Every structure is written in C-alpha cells, then in structure tokens.
Amino acid sequence: MPSAARHDKEKGSQPFSTSACARTGLWHLCYPCKMPTSEQYRKSAEQCRRVAHNTDDRLERETLMRIAAQWDRLADHKARKESEGA
C-alpha cells in the first residue's frame, strides 16, 4: 500500500479516498475517485506558486512556476469541459 494510503488508514479514514487525494495530490493513486475539478487544479497551481515564492533556489522556483502554469492550463481545460457539460 502506498505511504499516503497507509497514513490515511492510520488516521481512520479509508485509503484512496477523494479527500486523501486532495490532501496528497496523488490523483493517479486514487481508485475509484473522481477526476479533480478545475478549482482543485487551480488550488494546486496556487500551492506551487506559494512554495516557489518561499524558496531561495532559483532553479526550484522556476520549475515550480512552470508546474503551476501546467496546473493552470489543466484548470482552464477542465473549466471548458465543465461548462460544456462533459
């Protein structure tokens, strides 16, 4: 069992729950849970930006900002799909 699931199980929640996915960001380990919403993607982007602004390492900051941009693109794509009713 992945460590995130073990951690949640120790706290009494079920492993691979949607809430565990949201806390850990391990969406790919979740089964069967729903795909993240555009808002969840945006929160991931903001979290990356927050961490980037708090690091002194230039390469780490640039990488985190690129990851945040990817989360934003996913959020935009998901928002379009949500508005289409897909």
C-alpha atoms as a PDB file:
ATOM      1  CA  MET A   1       0.000   0.000   0.000  1.00  0.00           C
ATOM      2  CA  PRO A   2       1.405   3.466  -0.884  1.00  0.00           C
ATOM      3  CA  SER A   3       2.523   5.540   2.074  1.00  0.00           C
ATOM      4  CA  ALA A   4      -0.267   8.113   1.561  1.00  0.00           C
ATOM      5  CA  ALA A   5      -2.872   5.383   1.912  1.00  0.00           C
ATOM      6  CA  ARG A   6      -1.149   3.931   4.969  1.00  0.00           C
ATOM      7  CA  HIS A   7      -1.038   7.379   6.530  1.00  0.00           C
ATOM      8  CA  ASP A   8      -4.766   7.938   5.963  1.00  0.00           C
ATOM      9  CA  LYS A   9      -5.642   4.476   7.205  1.00  0.00           C
ATOM     10  CA  GLU A  10      -3.750   5.119  10.414  1.00  0.00           C
ATOM     11  CA  LYS A  11      -5.866   8.234  10.934  1.00  0.00           C
ATOM     12  CA  GLY A  12      -9.001   6.167  10.471  1.00  0.00           C
ATOM     13  CA  SER A  13     -10.064   7.297   7.007  1.00  0.00           C
ATOM     14  CA  GLN A  14     -10.291   4.959   4.078  1.00  0.00           C
ATOM     15  CA  PRO A  15      -7.242   4.711   1.807  1.00  0.00           C
ATOM     16  CA  PHE A  16      -7.549   6.195  -1.666  1.00  0.00           C
ATOM     17  CA  SER A  17     -10.474   8.402  -0.739  1.00  0.00           C
ATOM     18  CA  THR A  18     -11.112  11.632  -2.612  1.00  0.00           C
ATOM     19  CA  SER A  19     -10.161  13.625   0.485  1.00  0.00           C
ATOM     20  CA  ALA A  20      -6.865  11.753   0.701  1.00  0.00           C
ATOM     21  CA  CYS A  21      -6.240  12.559  -2.938  1.00  0.00           C
ATOM     22  CA  ALA A  22      -6.874  16.240  -2.362  1.00  0.00           C
ATOM     23  CA  ARG A  23      -4.535  16.336   0.637  1.00  0.00           C
ATOM     24  CA  THR A  24      -1.679  14.475  -1.009  1.00  0.00           C
ATOM     25  CA  GLY A  25      -2.066  15.463  -4.656  1.00  0.00           C
ATOM     26  CA  LEU A  26      -1.693  11.781  -5.574  1.00  0.00           C
ATOM     27  CA  TRP A  27      -4.597  11.686  -8.015  1.00  0.00           C
ATOM     28  CA  HIS A  28      -3.045   8.875 -10.029  1.00  0.00           C
ATOM     29  CA  LEU A  29      -3.131   6.555  -6.997  1.00  0.00           C
ATOM     30  CA  CYS A  30      -6.823   7.064  -6.371  1.00  0.00           C
ATOM     31  CA  TYR A  31      -9.230   4.442  -7.438  1.00  0.00           C
ATOM     32  CA  PRO A  32     -12.100   4.770  -7.737  1.00  0.00           C
ATOM     33  CA  CYS A  33     -12.349   8.506  -7.183  1.00  0.00           C
ATOM     34  CA  LYS A  34     -13.494  11.320  -9.430  1.00  0.00           C
ATOM     35  CA  MET A  35     -11.161  13.402 -11.546  1.00  0.00           C
ATOM     36  CA  PRO A  36     -10.220  16.722  -9.962  1.00  0.00           C
ATOM     37  CA  THR A  37     -12.306  19.801 -10.655  1.00  0.00           C
ATOM     38  CA  SER A  38     -10.953  22.954 -12.250  1.00  0.00           C
ATOM     39  CA  GLU A  39     -10.951  24.523  -8.776  1.00  0.00           C
ATOM     40  CA  GLN A  40      -8.786  21.714  -7.415  1.00  0.00           C
ATOM     41  CA  TYR A  41      -6.352  22.203 -10.296  1.00  0.00           C
ATOM     42  CA  ARG A  42      -6.248  25.937  -9.525  1.00  0.00           C
ATOM     43  CA  LYS A  43      -5.514  25.208  -5.874  1.00  0.00           C
ATOM     44  CA  SER A  44      -2.603  23.006  -6.935  1.00  0.00           C
ATOM     45  CA  ALA A  45      -1.279  25.837  -9.106  1.00  0.00           C
ATOM     46  CA  GLU A  46      -1.540  28.287  -6.223  1.00  0.00           C
ATOM     47  CA  GLN A  47       0.224  25.869  -3.904  1.00  0.00           C
ATOM     48  CA  CYS A  48       3.122  25.583  -6.376  1.00  0.00           C
ATOM     49  CA  ARG A  49       3.339  29.379  -6.630  1.00  0.00           C
ATOM     50  CA  ARG A  50       3.315  29.716  -2.842  1.00  0.00           C
ATOM     51  CA  VAL A  51       6.159  27.222  -2.466  1.00  0.00           C
ATOM     52  CA  ALA A  52       8.060  28.857  -5.338  1.00  0.00           C
ATOM     53  CA  HIS A  53       7.882  32.264  -3.687  1.00  0.00           C
ATOM     54  CA  ASN A  54       9.248  30.800  -0.455  1.00  0.00           C
ATOM     55  CA  THR A  55      12.353  29.151  -1.898  1.00  0.00           C
ATOM     56  CA  ASP A  56      15.735  30.745  -2.391  1.00  0.00           C
ATOM     57  CA  ASP A  57      16.780  28.234  -5.043  1.00  0.00           C
ATOM     58  CA  ARG A  58      16.355  29.810  -8.494  1.00  0.00           C
ATOM     59  CA  LEU A  59      16.045  26.513 -10.380  1.00  0.00           C
ATOM     60  CA  GLU A  60      13.496  25.170  -7.914  1.00  0.00           C
ATOM     61  CA  ARG A  61      11.480  28.400  -8.135  1.00  0.00           C
ATOM     62  CA  GLU A  62      11.487  28.345 -11.967  1.00  0.00           C
ATOM     63  CA  THR A  63      10.491  24.695 -12.042  1.00  0.00           C
ATOM     64  CA  LEU A  64       7.650  25.219  -9.574  1.00  0.00           C
ATOM     65  CA  MET A  65       6.389  28.175 -11.607  1.00  0.00           C
ATOM     66  CA  ARG A  66       6.371  26.013 -14.754  1.00  0.00           C
ATOM     67  CA  ILE A  67       4.444  23.324 -12.876  1.00  0.00           C
ATOM     68  CA  ALA A  68       1.977  25.974 -11.666  1.00  0.00           C
ATOM     69  CA  ALA A  69       1.477  27.085 -15.266  1.00  0.00           C
ATOM     70  CA  GLN A  70       0.693  23.484 -16.226  1.00  0.00           C
ATOM     71  CA  TRP A  71      -1.869  23.236 -13.410  1.00  0.00           C
ATOM     72  CA  ASP A  72      -3.432  26.475 -14.675  1.00  0.00           C
ATOM     73  CA  ARG A  73      -3.656  25.056 -18.209  1.00  0.00           C
ATOM     74  CA  LEU A  74      -5.313  21.917 -16.843  1.00  0.00           C
ATOM     75  CA  ALA A  75      -7.739  24.077 -14.862  1.00  0.00           C
ATOM     76  CA  ASP A  76      -8.636  26.081 -17.961  1.00  0.00           C
ATOM     77  CA  HIS A  77      -9.174  22.904 -19.969  1.00  0.00           C
ATOM     78  CA  LYS A  78     -11.271  21.326 -17.226  1.00  0.00           C
ATOM     79  CA  ALA A  79     -13.334  24.523 -16.816  1.00  0.00           C
ATOM     80  CA  ARG A  80     -14.140  24.477 -20.549  1.00  0.00           C
ATOM     81  CA  LYS A  81     -15.189  20.835 -20.286  1.00  0.00           C
ATOM     82  CA  GLU A  82     -17.284  21.535 -17.189  1.00  0.00           C
ATOM     83  CA  SER A  83     -19.066  24.402 -18.933  1.00  0.00           C
ATOM     84  CA  GLU A  84     -19.828  22.117 -21.896  1.00  0.00           C
ATOM     85  CA  GLY A  85     -21.381  19.619 -19.517  1.00  0.00           C
ATOM     86  CA  ALA A  86     -18.868  16.906 -20.414  1.00  0.00           C
END
